[in-house]
């Protein structure tokens, strides 16, 4: 998962998958959900993000994280 904030448009894109989006559905005037060919959610686009999200903190609670080994010499 990746979070992409675009200051120039005040939008936040939450990239949930590396799969391509083939369909989108507007949930509210500021939130669009992107789907892959199997109707799985692959991303969430939030417009006017600074008005819709509290950016003062970002927390992750009990998220399973796969350990990645970085080239160790």
PDB file of N, CA and C in Angstrom:
ATOM      1  N   UNK A   1       0.844  -1.166   0.000  1.00  0.00           N
ATOM      2  CA  UNK A   1       0.000   0.000   0.000  1.00  0.00           C
ATOM      3  C   UNK A   1       0.891   1.232   0.000  1.00  0.00           C
ATOM      4  N   UNK A   2       0.487   2.232  -0.792  1.00  0.00           N
ATOM      5  CA  UNK A   2       1.230   3.481  -0.861  1.00  0.00           C
ATOM      6  C   UNK A   2       0.252   4.639  -0.736  1.00  0.00           C
ATOM      7  N   UNK A   3       0.694   5.676  -0.057  1.00  0.00           N
ATOM      8  CA  UNK A   3      -0.078   6.904   0.042  1.00  0.00           C
ATOM      9  C   UNK A   3       0.609   7.953  -0.814  1.00  0.00           C
ATOM     10  N   UNK A   4      -0.137   8.599  -1.689  1.00  0.00           N
ATOM     11  CA  UNK A   4       0.408   9.642  -2.562  1.00  0.00           C
ATOM     12  C   UNK A   4      -0.395  10.915  -2.315  1.00  0.00           C
ATOM     13  N   UNK A   5       0.266  11.964  -1.825  1.00  0.00           N
ATOM     14  CA  UNK A   5      -0.410  13.251  -1.643  1.00  0.00           C
ATOM     15  C   UNK A   5       0.077  14.208  -2.719  1.00  0.00           C
ATOM     16  N   UNK A   6      -0.859  14.859  -3.391  1.00  0.00           N
ATOM     17  CA  UNK A   6      -0.550  15.805  -4.457  1.00  0.00           C
ATOM     18  C   UNK A   6      -0.967  17.200  -3.998  1.00  0.00           C
ATOM     19  N   UNK A   7       0.026  17.977  -3.576  1.00  0.00           N
ATOM     20  CA  UNK A   7      -0.228  19.303  -3.013  1.00  0.00           C
ATOM     21  C   UNK A   7      -0.956  20.217  -3.991  1.00  0.00           C
ATOM     22  N   UNK A   8      -0.547  20.183  -5.272  1.00  0.00           N
ATOM     23  CA  UNK A   8      -1.125  21.093  -6.256  1.00  0.00           C
ATOM     24  C   UNK A   8      -2.622  20.889  -6.470  1.00  0.00           C
ATOM     25  N   UNK A   9      -3.128  19.691  -6.200  1.00  0.00           N
ATOM     26  CA  UNK A   9      -4.565  19.424  -6.346  1.00  0.00           C
ATOM     27  C   UNK A   9      -5.232  19.100  -5.016  1.00  0.00           C
ATOM     28  N   UNK A  10      -4.445  19.106  -3.927  1.00  0.00           N
ATOM     29  CA  UNK A  10      -4.931  18.745  -2.590  1.00  0.00           C
ATOM     30  C   UNK A  10      -5.694  17.425  -2.636  1.00  0.00           C
ATOM     31  N   UNK A  11      -5.059  16.423  -3.249  1.00  0.00           N
ATOM     32  CA  UNK A  11      -5.686  15.106  -3.331  1.00  0.00           C
ATOM     33  C   UNK A  11      -4.758  14.042  -2.745  1.00  0.00           C
ATOM     34  N   UNK A  12      -5.379  13.036  -2.167  1.00  0.00           N
ATOM     35  CA  UNK A  12      -4.648  11.902  -1.604  1.00  0.00           C
ATOM     36  C   UNK A  12      -5.101  10.657  -2.343  1.00  0.00           C
ATOM     37  N   UNK A  13      -4.131   9.905  -2.867  1.00  0.00           N
ATOM     38  CA  UNK A  13      -4.461   8.631  -3.505  1.00  0.00           C
ATOM     39  C   UNK A  13      -3.881   7.519  -2.650  1.00  0.00           C
ATOM     40  N   UNK A  14      -4.730   6.589  -2.245  1.00  0.00           N
ATOM     41  CA  UNK A  14      -4.309   5.427  -1.478  1.00  0.00           C
ATOM     42  C   UNK A  14      -4.258   4.258  -2.454  1.00  0.00           C
ATOM     43  N   UNK A  15      -3.048   3.848  -2.778  1.00  0.00           N
ATOM     44  CA  UNK A  15      -2.805   2.788  -3.748  1.00  0.00           C
ATOM     45  C   UNK A  15      -2.770   1.464  -2.981  1.00  0.00           C
ATOM     46  N   UNK A  16      -3.798   0.647  -3.154  1.00  0.00           N
ATOM     47  CA  UNK A  16      -3.936  -0.601  -2.399  1.00  0.00           C
ATOM     48  C   UNK A  16      -3.374  -1.821  -3.109  1.00  0.00           C
ATOM     49  N   UNK A  17      -3.109  -1.693  -4.399  1.00  0.00           N
ATOM     50  CA  UNK A  17      -2.677  -2.835  -5.189  1.00  0.00           C
ATOM     51  C   UNK A  17      -1.871  -2.365  -6.391  1.00  0.00           C
ATOM     52  N   UNK A  18      -1.029  -3.245  -6.896  1.00  0.00           N
ATOM     53  CA  UNK A  18      -0.275  -2.930  -8.111  1.00  0.00           C
ATOM     54  C   UNK A  18      -1.096  -3.232  -9.367  1.00  0.00           C
ATOM     55  N   UNK A  19      -2.285  -3.797  -9.191  1.00  0.00           N
ATOM     56  CA  UNK A  19      -3.147  -4.104 -10.335  1.00  0.00           C
ATOM     57  C   UNK A  19      -3.715  -2.825 -10.932  1.00  0.00           C
ATOM     58  N   UNK A  20      -3.987  -2.854 -12.221  1.00  0.00           N
ATOM     59  CA  UNK A  20      -4.526  -1.690 -12.924  1.00  0.00           C
ATOM     60  C   UNK A  20      -6.002  -1.500 -12.627  1.00  0.00           C
ATOM     61  N   UNK A  21      -6.391  -0.243 -12.553  1.00  0.00           N
ATOM     62  CA  UNK A  21      -7.795   0.102 -12.378  1.00  0.00           C
ATOM     63  C   UNK A  21      -8.491   0.080 -13.732  1.00  0.00           C
ATOM     64  N   UNK A  22      -9.662  -0.557 -13.789  1.00  0.00           N
ATOM     65  CA  UNK A  22     -10.426  -0.547 -15.040  1.00  0.00           C
ATOM     66  C   UNK A  22     -11.804   0.088 -14.857  1.00  0.00           C
ATOM     67  N   UNK A  23     -12.167   0.370 -13.603  1.00  0.00           N
ATOM     68  CA  UNK A  23     -13.465   0.981 -13.338  1.00  0.00           C
ATOM     69  C   UNK A  23     -13.350   1.828 -12.078  1.00  0.00           C
ATOM     70  N   UNK A  24     -14.176   2.849 -11.992  1.00  0.00           N
ATOM     71  CA  UNK A  24     -14.189   3.728 -10.830  1.00  0.00           C
ATOM     72  C   UNK A  24     -15.624   4.014 -10.444  1.00  0.00           C
ATOM     73  N   UNK A  25     -15.828   4.258  -9.139  1.00  0.00           N
ATOM     74  CA  UNK A  25     -17.154   4.604  -8.659  1.00  0.00           C
ATOM     75  C   UNK A  25     -17.027   5.773  -7.693  1.00  0.00           C
ATOM     76  N   UNK A  26     -17.770   6.842  -7.962  1.00  0.00           N
ATOM     77  CA  UNK A  26     -17.777   7.993  -7.074  1.00  0.00           C
ATOM     78  C   UNK A  26     -18.675   7.683  -5.882  1.00  0.00           C
ATOM     79  N   UNK A  27     -18.090   7.722  -4.689  1.00  0.00           N
ATOM     80  CA  UNK A  27     -18.840   7.420  -3.466  1.00  0.00           C
ATOM     81  C   UNK A  27     -19.485   8.691  -2.915  1.00  0.00           C
ATOM     82  N   UNK A  28     -18.719   9.773  -2.893  1.00  0.00           N
ATOM     83  CA  UNK A  28     -19.206  11.107  -2.555  1.00  0.00           C
ATOM     84  C   UNK A  28     -18.573  12.061  -3.557  1.00  0.00           C
ATOM     85  N   UNK A  29     -18.871  13.335  -3.441  1.00  0.00           N
ATOM     86  CA  UNK A  29     -18.297  14.292  -4.391  1.00  0.00           C
ATOM     87  C   UNK A  29     -16.783  14.384  -4.277  1.00  0.00           C
ATOM     88  N   UNK A  30     -16.203  13.928  -3.157  1.00  0.00           N
ATOM     89  CA  UNK A  30     -14.753  13.998  -2.954  1.00  0.00           C
ATOM     90  C   UNK A  30     -14.044  12.648  -2.926  1.00  0.00           C
ATOM     91  N   UNK A  31     -14.768  11.544  -3.010  1.00  0.00           N
ATOM     92  CA  UNK A  31     -14.138  10.224  -2.876  1.00  0.00           C
ATOM     93  C   UNK A  31     -14.527   9.318  -4.043  1.00  0.00           C
ATOM     94  N   UNK A  32     -13.476   8.771  -4.693  1.00  0.00           N
ATOM     95  CA  UNK A  32     -13.669   7.841  -5.812  1.00  0.00           C
ATOM     96  C   UNK A  32     -12.916   6.548  -5.490  1.00  0.00           C
ATOM     97  N   UNK A  33     -13.575   5.424  -5.700  1.00  0.00           N
ATOM     98  CA  UNK A  33     -12.980   4.105  -5.481  1.00  0.00           C
ATOM     99  C   UNK A  33     -12.644   3.498  -6.842  1.00  0.00           C
ATOM    100  N   UNK A  34     -11.417   2.997  -6.992  1.00  0.00           N
ATOM    101  CA  UNK A  34     -10.984   2.350  -8.229  1.00  0.00           C
ATOM    102  C   UNK A  34     -11.010   0.826  -8.061  1.00  0.00           C
ATOM    103  N   UNK A  35     -11.446   0.126  -9.122  1.00  0.00           N
ATOM    104  CA  UNK A  35     -11.576  -1.331  -9.100  1.00  0.00           C
ATOM    105  C   UNK A  35     -10.763  -1.968 -10.219  1.00  0.00           C
ATOM    106  N   UNK A  36     -10.297  -3.203  -9.979  1.00  0.00           N
ATOM    107  CA  UNK A  36      -9.617  -3.957 -11.031  1.00  0.00           C
ATOM    108  C   UNK A  36     -10.645  -4.752 -11.835  1.00  0.00           C
ATOM    109  N   UNK A  37     -10.175  -5.581 -12.759  1.00  0.00           N
ATOM    110  CA  UNK A  37     -11.091  -6.338 -13.627  1.00  0.00           C
ATOM    111  C   UNK A  37     -11.950  -7.341 -12.872  1.00  0.00           C
ATOM    112  N   UNK A  38     -11.521  -7.728 -11.646  1.00  0.00           N
ATOM    113  CA  UNK A  38     -12.296  -8.666 -10.835  1.00  0.00           C
ATOM    114  C   UNK A  38     -13.156  -7.979  -9.791  1.00  0.00           C
ATOM    115  N   UNK A  39     -13.288  -6.641  -9.928  1.00  0.00           N
ATOM    116  CA  UNK A  39     -14.086  -5.809  -9.030  1.00  0.00           C
ATOM    117  C   UNK A  39     -13.498  -5.695  -7.628  1.00  0.00           C
ATOM    118  N   UNK A  40     -12.184  -5.946  -7.497  1.00  0.00           N
ATOM    119  CA  UNK A  40     -11.490  -5.724  -6.227  1.00  0.00           C
ATOM    120  C   UNK A  40     -11.059  -4.268  -6.151  1.00  0.00           C
ATOM    121  N   UNK A  41     -11.100  -3.693  -4.960  1.00  0.00           N
ATOM    122  CA  UNK A  41     -10.669  -2.306  -4.791  1.00  0.00           C
ATOM    123  C   UNK A  41      -9.155  -2.236  -4.917  1.00  0.00           C
ATOM    124  N   UNK A  42      -8.679  -1.347  -5.795  1.00  0.00           N
ATOM    125  CA  UNK A  42      -7.236  -1.174  -5.988  1.00  0.00           C
ATOM    126  C   UNK A  42      -6.757   0.205  -5.547  1.00  0.00           C
ATOM    127  N   UNK A  43      -7.683   1.137  -5.348  1.00  0.00           N
ATOM    128  CA  UNK A  43      -7.271   2.462  -4.924  1.00  0.00           C
ATOM    129  C   UNK A  43      -8.429   3.325  -4.480  1.00  0.00           C
ATOM    130  N   UNK A  44      -8.076   4.341  -3.684  1.00  0.00           N
ATOM    131  CA  UNK A  44      -9.055   5.300  -3.189  1.00  0.00           C
ATOM    132  C   UNK A  44      -8.506   6.694  -3.451  1.00  0.00           C
ATOM    133  N   UNK A  45      -9.281   7.507  -4.138  1.00  0.00           N
ATOM    134  CA  UNK A  45      -8.879   8.872  -4.461  1.00  0.00           C
ATOM    135  C   UNK A  45      -9.716   9.831  -3.624  1.00  0.00           C
ATOM    136  N   UNK A  46      -9.047  10.670  -2.829  1.00  0.00           N
ATOM    137  CA  UNK A  46      -9.743  11.622  -1.964  1.00  0.00           C
ATOM    138  C   UNK A  46      -9.365  13.035  -2.393  1.00  0.00           C
ATOM    139  N   UNK A  47     -10.342  13.759  -2.917  1.00  0.00           N
ATOM    140  CA  UNK A  47     -10.147  15.150  -3.305  1.00  0.00           C
ATOM    141  C   UNK A  47     -10.372  16.052  -2.091  1.00  0.00           C
ATOM    142  N   UNK A  48      -9.827  17.273  -2.144  1.00  0.00           N
ATOM    143  CA  UNK A  48      -9.928  18.199  -1.009  1.00  0.00           C
ATOM    144  C   UNK A  48      -9.478  17.512   0.275  1.00  0.00           C
ATOM    145  N   UNK A  49      -8.378  16.798   0.161  1.00  0.00           N
ATOM    146  CA  UNK A  49      -7.898  15.945   1.247  1.00  0.00           C
ATOM    147  C   UNK A  49      -7.666  16.704   2.543  1.00  0.00           C
ATOM    148  N   UNK A  50      -7.101  17.899   2.469  1.00  0.00           N
ATOM    149  CA  UNK A  50      -6.810  18.640   3.702  1.00  0.00           C
ATOM    150  C   UNK A  50      -8.085  19.044   4.443  1.00  0.00           C
ATOM    151  N   UNK A  51      -9.208  19.066   3.754  1.00  0.00           N
ATOM    152  CA  UNK A  51     -10.498  19.374   4.390  1.00  0.00           C
ATOM    153  C   UNK A  51     -11.176  18.107   4.908  1.00  0.00           C
ATOM    154  N   UNK A  52     -10.843  16.969   4.317  1.00  0.00           N
ATOM    155  CA  UNK A  52     -11.518  15.711   4.656  1.00  0.00           C
ATOM    156  C   UNK A  52     -10.719  14.805   5.587  1.00  0.00           C
ATOM    157  N   UNK A  53      -9.414  15.077   5.737  1.00  0.00           N
ATOM    158  CA  UNK A  53      -8.544  14.193   6.516  1.00  0.00           C
ATOM    159  C   UNK A  53      -7.737  15.003   7.515  1.00  0.00           C
ATOM    160  N   UNK A  54      -7.575  14.458   8.702  1.00  0.00           N
ATOM    161  CA  UNK A  54      -6.713  15.075   9.709  1.00  0.00           C
ATOM    162  C   UNK A  54      -5.297  14.555   9.479  1.00  0.00           C
ATOM    163  N   UNK A  55      -4.457  15.395   8.894  1.00  0.00           N
ATOM    164  CA  UNK A  55      -3.087  15.000   8.588  1.00  0.00           C
ATOM    165  C   UNK A  55      -2.124  15.188   9.759  1.00  0.00           C
ATOM    166  N   UNK A  56      -2.628  15.575  10.924  1.00  0.00           N
ATOM    167  CA  UNK A  56      -1.732  15.836  12.056  1.00  0.00           C
ATOM    168  C   UNK A  56      -1.088  14.569  12.609  1.00  0.00           C
ATOM    169  N   UNK A  57      -1.676  13.415  12.303  1.00  0.00           N
ATOM    170  CA  UNK A  57      -1.048  12.158  12.744  1.00  0.00           C
ATOM    171  C   UNK A  57      -1.419  11.039  11.786  1.00  0.00           C
ATOM    172  N   UNK A  58      -0.516  10.087  11.700  1.00  0.00           N
ATOM    173  CA  UNK A  58      -0.755   8.892  10.889  1.00  0.00           C
ATOM    174  C   UNK A  58      -0.363   7.707  11.755  1.00  0.00           C
ATOM    175  N   UNK A  59      -1.294   6.822  11.987  1.00  0.00           N
ATOM    176  CA  UNK A  59      -1.042   5.671  12.842  1.00  0.00           C
ATOM    177  C   UNK A  59      -1.380   4.383  12.111  1.00  0.00           C
ATOM    178  N   UNK A  60      -0.660   3.340  12.437  1.00  0.00           N
ATOM    179  CA  UNK A  60      -0.948   2.005  11.918  1.00  0.00           C
ATOM    180  C   UNK A  60      -1.042   1.073  13.113  1.00  0.00           C
ATOM    181  N   UNK A  61      -2.112   0.346  13.196  1.00  0.00           N
ATOM    182  CA  UNK A  61      -2.343  -0.515  14.347  1.00  0.00           C
ATOM    183  C   UNK A  61      -2.555  -1.952  13.890  1.00  0.00           C
ATOM    184  N   UNK A  62      -1.690  -2.831  14.327  1.00  0.00           N
ATOM    185  CA  UNK A  62      -1.788  -4.264  14.068  1.00  0.00           C
ATOM    186  C   UNK A  62      -1.893  -4.608  12.577  1.00  0.00           C
ATOM    187  N   UNK A  63      -1.046  -3.995  11.786  1.00  0.00           N
ATOM    188  CA  UNK A  63      -1.013  -4.291  10.357  1.00  0.00           C
ATOM    189  C   UNK A  63       0.069  -5.335  10.108  1.00  0.00           C
ATOM    190  N   UNK A  64      -0.290  -6.443   9.462  1.00  0.00           N
ATOM    191  CA  UNK A  64       0.734  -7.459   9.185  1.00  0.00           C
ATOM    192  C   UNK A  64       1.731  -6.928   8.160  1.00  0.00           C
ATOM    193  N   UNK A  65       2.987  -6.940   8.525  1.00  0.00           N
ATOM    194  CA  UNK A  65       4.030  -6.435   7.650  1.00  0.00           C
ATOM    195  C   UNK A  65       4.967  -7.572   7.293  1.00  0.00           C
ATOM    196  N   UNK A  66       5.142  -7.783   6.000  1.00  0.00           N
ATOM    197  CA  UNK A  66       6.060  -8.798   5.522  1.00  0.00           C
ATOM    198  C   UNK A  66       7.467  -8.220   5.586  1.00  0.00           C
ATOM    199  N   UNK A  67       8.345  -8.928   6.236  1.00  0.00           N
ATOM    200  CA  UNK A  67       9.722  -8.448   6.356  1.00  0.00           C
ATOM    201  C   UNK A  67      10.422  -8.547   5.001  1.00  0.00           C
ATOM    202  N   UNK A  68      11.114  -7.492   4.656  1.00  0.00           N
ATOM    203  CA  UNK A  68      11.845  -7.436   3.408  1.00  0.00           C
ATOM    204  C   UNK A  68      13.325  -7.341   3.751  1.00  0.00           C
ATOM    205  N   UNK A  69      14.105  -8.244   3.199  1.00  0.00           N
ATOM    206  CA  UNK A  69      15.544  -8.204   3.424  1.00  0.00           C
ATOM    207  C   UNK A  69      16.174  -7.310   2.374  1.00  0.00           C
ATOM    208  N   UNK A  70      16.915  -6.345   2.851  1.00  0.00           N
ATOM    209  CA  UNK A  70      17.620  -5.448   1.967  1.00  0.00           C
ATOM    210  C   UNK A  70      19.033  -5.980   1.796  1.00  0.00           C
ATOM    211  N   UNK A  71      19.551  -5.879   0.625  1.00  0.00           N
ATOM    212  CA  UNK A  71      20.878  -6.387   0.300  1.00  0.00           C
ATOM    213  C   UNK A  71      21.850  -6.101   1.445  1.00  0.00           C
ATOM    214  N   UNK A  72      22.136  -7.122   2.223  1.00  0.00           N
ATOM    215  CA  UNK A  72      23.035  -6.991   3.371  1.00  0.00           C
ATOM    216  C   UNK A  72      24.366  -7.658   3.029  1.00  0.00           C
ATOM    217  N   UNK A  73      25.440  -6.910   3.254  1.00  0.00           N
ATOM    218  CA  UNK A  73      26.785  -7.464   2.998  1.00  0.00           C
ATOM    219  C   UNK A  73      27.581  -7.489   4.262  1.00  0.00           C
TER     220      UNK A  73
END
